[in-house]
Each structure stands twice: as C-alpha cells, then as structure tokens.
Amino acid sequence: MSIPSATTLEKITGGDRALALKVRRVLDGRLKPSDASEAAAKWAASCHHRPREKSHELVLEACDDLLGGCGVEAIRPACDPQHYDEGIRMCPAYSYVNTGDQYAWTLVRDHEDSCWRVMSWEDALLRHIKNCSACRESQKQEEVYDG
C-alpha cells in the first residue's frame, strides 16, 4: 500500500512536522485511528456495523479530525464506478478530507488503486476523468452541447 511520506504530508499540515508524523503513523497502522482521535472513536462507536480499526473509513475520520477538516467526502464521478478497497465494496472512486477548498492539498483515499495520495480533490477528479473512457466520452459530449 502506498502511503505519502511525512515530508509530503507537511503540504497539508502547514509544515507542522509533528502533525505530519502523527498522520503518517495513523496511515501506516502504527497508531490506531481511535487512539489518535476521540472524534473518530466516537464515530466508530456510533456505527451499527463498527468499522475495523485499520479500515480506510476510520483512518479518514481520524485524519479529518487531526487535520481540522470539514468532514470526509466522496468523489463519485458521472460514470459512478464501484470499487472494492480493503474488502469493502461499493466504494466511490475517491474519498478525501474536505478542507473547504477544492484547490487545496488534502488527504485522498484512491479507491481505484487502494492507496493514499496528497492532492486536491479537483486533481483527484481530473485524474479519474483522464483514466476513465466513459467520463472522457461524457465530457466530450458536454463540450459539444456547451459549444
């Protein structure tokens, strides 16, 4: 599994090395999400089917809290693909920590490749469109209608 380095994570922590290292420990499993974040622990406890401690869902909730995000969001492109990620089915193409700014660096879970990325959510969507023939075709049709 691909995990961004602490140096890369500093892009989303405002250069806070200690926070970047803590987020990295959550991502690589050395620190349980529920130990890193009381908010994530409460969220997991409220779930009817409690997520596994190392699930990407719980990891994202903990990182959202640590990074001061505005919640965890999903990017579900027009083609509406369904992905399996860590045995969880029906995942969207990407999930991410919402920073409130589509252009800001953030933590993204790439469900297509089952890895973590640091990128803006807009870049994640554009990456999907570039790699998805159905989305590229849909985008071409929209350009024809807009033209």
Protein backbone atom coordinates (compact mmCIF):
# COMPACT_ATOMS: atom_id res chain seq x y z
CA MET A 1 0.00 0.00 0.00
CA SER A 2 1.29 3.42 -0.95
CA ILE A 3 1.49 5.95 1.90
CA PRO A 4 2.75 9.52 1.46
CA SER A 5 5.96 10.45 3.27
CA ALA A 6 5.90 12.79 6.27
CA THR A 7 7.52 15.43 4.06
CA THR A 8 4.68 15.13 1.53
CA LEU A 9 2.10 15.21 4.34
CA GLU A 10 3.59 18.52 5.53
CA LYS A 11 1.88 20.07 2.48
CA ILE A 12 -1.45 19.51 4.26
CA THR A 13 -0.27 20.23 7.80
CA GLY A 14 1.04 23.70 7.06
CA GLY A 15 4.61 22.49 7.60
CA ASP A 16 3.84 21.02 11.05
CA ARG A 17 6.27 18.09 11.10
CA ALA A 18 4.92 16.57 14.34
CA LEU A 19 1.39 16.52 12.96
CA ALA A 20 2.59 15.09 9.64
CA LEU A 21 4.34 12.28 11.52
CA LYS A 22 1.22 11.57 13.59
CA VAL A 23 -0.95 11.41 10.45
CA ARG A 24 1.65 9.12 8.85
CA ARG A 25 1.53 6.78 11.87
CA VAL A 26 -2.26 6.60 11.53
CA LEU A 27 -1.96 5.87 7.80
CA ASP A 28 0.64 3.13 8.22
CA GLY A 29 -1.15 1.49 11.17
CA ARG A 30 1.38 2.22 13.90
CA LEU A 31 -1.22 4.42 15.65
CA LYS A 32 -4.84 3.29 15.91
CA PRO A 33 -7.25 5.86 14.50
CA SER A 34 -9.42 5.62 17.62
CA ASP A 35 -6.36 6.36 19.81
CA ALA A 36 -5.31 9.29 17.62
CA SER A 37 -8.75 10.90 17.54
CA GLU A 38 -11.54 10.92 20.09
CA ALA A 39 -13.91 12.10 17.35
CA ALA A 40 -13.06 9.05 15.21
CA ALA A 41 -13.56 6.75 18.21
CA LYS A 42 -17.00 8.28 18.84
CA TRP A 43 -17.92 7.99 15.17
CA ALA A 44 -16.92 4.31 15.10
CA ALA A 45 -18.89 3.61 18.27
CA SER A 46 -22.00 5.18 16.70
CA CYS A 47 -21.88 2.88 13.65
CA HIS A 48 -24.31 -0.06 13.57
CA HIS A 49 -21.54 -2.14 11.97
CA ARG A 50 -18.39 -0.87 13.64
CA PRO A 51 -15.58 -0.40 11.10
CA ARG A 52 -12.35 -2.34 11.51
CA GLU A 53 -9.70 -0.36 13.39
CA LYS A 54 -7.44 -0.11 10.32
CA SER A 55 -10.22 0.46 7.77
CA HIS A 56 -9.74 3.38 5.41
CA GLU A 57 -13.07 4.79 6.65
CA LEU A 58 -11.91 5.08 10.25
CA VAL A 59 -8.46 6.27 9.20
CA LEU A 60 -10.05 9.09 7.15
CA GLU A 61 -12.26 10.09 10.09
CA ALA A 62 -9.22 10.30 12.39
CA CYS A 63 -7.18 12.25 9.83
CA ASP A 64 -10.09 14.64 9.26
CA ASP A 65 -10.08 15.40 12.98
CA LEU A 66 -6.28 15.69 13.20
CA LEU A 67 -6.11 17.98 10.15
CA GLY A 68 -9.03 20.16 11.21
CA GLY A 69 -11.04 19.20 8.14
CA CYS A 70 -14.70 19.85 7.39
CA GLY A 71 -15.63 16.17 7.18
CA VAL A 72 -14.93 13.21 4.95
CA GLU A 73 -16.42 13.44 1.48
CA ALA A 74 -16.60 11.18 -1.57
CA ILE A 75 -16.00 11.87 -5.23
CA ARG A 76 -18.49 9.90 -7.28
CA PRO A 77 -17.88 10.71 -10.97
CA ALA A 78 -20.58 10.67 -13.63
CA CYS A 79 -19.77 7.08 -14.61
CA ASP A 80 -20.47 6.10 -10.96
CA PRO A 81 -17.90 3.30 -10.70
CA GLN A 82 -17.95 0.92 -7.76
CA HIS A 83 -14.63 -0.23 -6.33
CA TYR A 84 -13.51 -2.84 -3.84
CA ASP A 85 -10.99 -1.44 -1.38
CA GLU A 86 -9.68 -3.49 1.55
CA GLY A 87 -12.57 -5.90 1.07
CA ILE A 88 -15.15 -3.10 1.30
CA ARG A 89 -17.38 -2.99 -1.75
CA MET A 90 -19.32 -0.11 -3.19
CA CYS A 91 -16.54 2.43 -2.65
CA PRO A 92 -16.58 5.61 -4.74
CA ALA A 93 -13.58 6.47 -6.89
CA TYR A 94 -12.07 8.66 -4.14
CA SER A 95 -12.72 9.74 -0.55
CA TYR A 96 -10.99 12.74 0.95
CA VAL A 97 -10.69 15.10 3.90
CA ASN A 98 -12.71 18.17 2.95
CA THR A 99 -10.64 21.32 3.53
CA GLY A 100 -13.36 23.62 2.25
CA ASP A 101 -11.24 24.50 -0.80
CA GLN A 102 -11.31 22.35 -3.94
CA TYR A 103 -7.80 23.51 -4.90
CA ALA A 104 -6.11 22.96 -1.52
CA TRP A 105 -3.85 19.98 -0.85
CA THR A 106 -5.64 17.31 1.16
CA LEU A 107 -5.51 13.64 2.07
CA VAL A 108 -7.21 11.49 -0.56
CA ARG A 109 -8.01 7.77 -0.48
CA ASP A 110 -7.75 6.48 -4.04
CA HIS A 111 -10.16 3.52 -4.08
CA GLU A 112 -9.27 2.72 -7.68
CA ASP A 113 -5.65 1.94 -6.71
CA SER A 114 -6.18 1.28 -2.94
CA CYS A 115 -3.63 3.88 -1.89
CA TRP A 116 -3.28 7.22 -0.10
CA ARG A 117 -2.48 10.40 -2.01
CA VAL A 118 -1.86 14.06 -1.23
CA MET A 119 -3.61 16.14 -3.87
CA SER A 120 -6.56 18.48 -4.24
CA TRP A 121 -9.94 16.87 -4.68
CA GLU A 122 -10.25 18.63 -8.02
CA ASP A 123 -6.99 16.97 -9.14
CA ALA A 124 -8.40 13.61 -7.98
CA LEU A 125 -11.50 14.08 -10.11
CA LEU A 126 -9.44 15.16 -13.13
CA ARG A 127 -7.18 12.13 -12.63
CA HIS A 128 -10.22 9.86 -12.72
CA ILE A 129 -11.63 11.53 -15.85
CA LYS A 130 -8.26 11.15 -17.59
CA ASN A 131 -8.21 7.40 -16.83
CA CYS A 132 -11.93 6.65 -17.43
CA SER A 133 -13.13 6.27 -21.01
CA ALA A 134 -16.82 6.71 -20.01
CA CYS A 135 -16.06 10.02 -18.27
CA ARG A 136 -13.90 11.27 -21.15
CA GLU A 137 -16.74 10.48 -23.58
CA SER A 138 -19.29 12.21 -21.31
CA GLN A 139 -17.02 15.27 -21.07
CA LYS A 140 -16.70 15.41 -24.89
CA GLN A 141 -20.50 15.31 -25.25
CA GLU A 142 -20.89 18.14 -22.73
CA GLU A 143 -18.34 20.24 -24.65
CA VAL A 144 -20.37 19.72 -27.85
CA TYR A 145 -23.57 20.85 -26.13
CA ASP A 146 -21.84 23.83 -24.48
CA GLY A 147 -20.22 24.91 -27.75
